[in-house]
Every structure is written in C-alpha cells, then in structure tokens.
Amino acid sequence: MTLPSPAPVLRRLRLPAVLDRVALSRSTLYSRIHAGLFPKPLRDGHTSSWLEHEVNAWVLGSWQASKAEALLVTPDRLPSTKP
C-alpha cells in the first residue's frame, strides 16, 4: 500500500521578504509586475503577498538568464586583435 504524498506547503511572502530575495527596489519590483516580468501578488483584504515558490522560480530564472548573457560572445566583447 502506498501512502499519498503530502500536499506541498504554499508559503506566502510579504513585500519586505520579497524585496530581500530579489534585490530590487519597491518601485522596480512593481514596474516589473505591471510589465508582466514578475509574478503578481495575491490580495487578501488589505495585504499583498507572493507565493514563495513563484518568487524562487523568478530568482532562479533571473540568475540563469544573467549567466547565459555573460556567456554570449558579441562583437563588442571580442578581444582586440590590434597590435
């Protein structure tokens, strides 16, 4: 007999915790939300919170994108061949 797997824990993060994780200013965070570049917060009355796993996924995706960009070789990044 197999036991059902437990439901994942859905933790919510408030704004200060989100800002700490993403290292963005409040205005930049909300600009990215409005541009569709960051997950929208959940509203519960007068409070906003984000699902922790969505914030973590965004941080990981952002980190991976910055590493991929650093590996791109563009003409302006090529070493100079001038003597």
Protein backbone atom coordinates (compact mmCIF):
# COMPACT_ATOMS: atom_id res chain seq x y z
CA MET A 1 0.00 0.00 0.00
CA THR A 2 1.37 3.40 -0.95
CA LEU A 3 0.56 6.47 1.03
CA PRO A 4 -0.50 9.61 -0.79
CA SER A 5 2.21 12.22 -0.99
CA PRO A 6 1.64 15.22 1.27
CA ALA A 7 0.38 18.39 -0.33
CA PRO A 8 3.12 20.95 -0.96
CA VAL A 9 3.34 23.76 1.53
CA LEU A 10 2.38 27.03 -0.09
CA ARG A 11 4.15 29.72 1.86
CA ARG A 12 3.34 33.34 1.27
CA LEU A 13 5.92 36.10 1.40
CA ARG A 14 5.15 39.68 2.32
CA LEU A 15 6.75 42.61 0.49
CA PRO A 16 9.85 43.04 2.73
CA ALA A 17 10.76 39.36 2.32
CA VAL A 18 10.25 39.54 -1.45
CA LEU A 19 12.43 42.65 -1.74
CA ASP A 20 15.18 40.90 0.25
CA ARG A 21 15.11 37.88 -2.06
CA VAL A 22 15.02 39.68 -5.37
CA ALA A 23 17.36 42.59 -4.52
CA LEU A 24 15.14 45.12 -6.28
CA SER A 25 13.68 48.37 -5.08
CA ARG A 26 9.96 48.52 -4.41
CA SER A 27 9.33 50.73 -7.45
CA THR A 28 11.36 48.44 -9.75
CA LEU A 29 9.51 45.40 -8.45
CA TYR A 30 6.11 46.96 -9.14
CA SER A 31 7.27 48.16 -12.57
CA ARG A 32 8.20 44.59 -13.44
CA ILE A 33 4.86 43.32 -12.14
CA HIS A 34 3.00 45.80 -14.37
CA ALA A 35 5.18 44.82 -17.34
CA GLY A 36 4.41 41.13 -16.76
CA LEU A 37 8.02 40.38 -15.82
CA PHE A 38 7.35 39.36 -12.21
CA PRO A 39 4.51 37.34 -10.62
CA LYS A 40 1.51 39.34 -9.46
CA PRO A 41 0.85 39.41 -5.72
CA LEU A 42 -2.10 37.69 -4.12
CA ARG A 43 -4.53 40.07 -2.44
CA ASP A 44 -6.10 39.20 0.87
CA GLY A 45 -8.09 42.16 2.04
CA HIS A 46 -5.60 44.98 2.51
CA THR A 47 -2.47 42.82 2.36
CA SER A 48 -0.45 41.57 -0.58
CA SER A 49 1.73 38.51 -0.62
CA TRP A 50 3.53 36.36 -3.14
CA LEU A 51 3.81 32.59 -3.30
CA GLU A 52 7.31 31.65 -2.22
CA HIS A 53 7.82 29.10 -4.98
CA GLU A 54 6.94 31.70 -7.65
CA VAL A 55 9.44 34.19 -6.24
CA ASN A 56 12.11 31.48 -6.00
CA ALA A 57 11.43 30.42 -9.61
CA TRP A 58 11.78 34.05 -10.76
CA VAL A 59 15.08 34.44 -8.87
CA LEU A 60 16.43 31.24 -10.40
CA GLY A 61 15.30 32.26 -13.89
CA SER A 62 16.81 35.70 -13.49
CA TRP A 63 20.09 34.22 -12.30
CA GLN A 64 20.19 31.75 -15.18
CA ALA A 65 19.44 34.49 -17.70
CA SER A 66 22.25 36.68 -16.36
CA LYS A 67 24.71 33.77 -16.55
CA ALA A 68 23.62 32.97 -20.12
CA GLU A 69 24.02 36.62 -21.10
CA ALA A 70 27.51 36.69 -19.62
CA LEU A 71 28.46 33.75 -21.83
CA LEU A 72 27.30 35.39 -25.06
CA VAL A 73 30.10 36.50 -27.33
CA THR A 74 29.22 39.66 -29.16
CA PRO A 75 31.49 41.78 -31.37
CA ASP A 76 31.92 44.39 -28.64
CA ARG A 77 33.11 41.67 -26.22
CA LEU A 78 35.70 40.12 -28.55
CA PRO A 79 39.32 40.75 -27.64
CA SER A 80 41.07 43.32 -29.74
CA THR A 81 43.37 41.94 -32.45
CA LYS A 82 45.18 45.24 -32.93
CA PRO A 83 48.90 45.14 -32.08
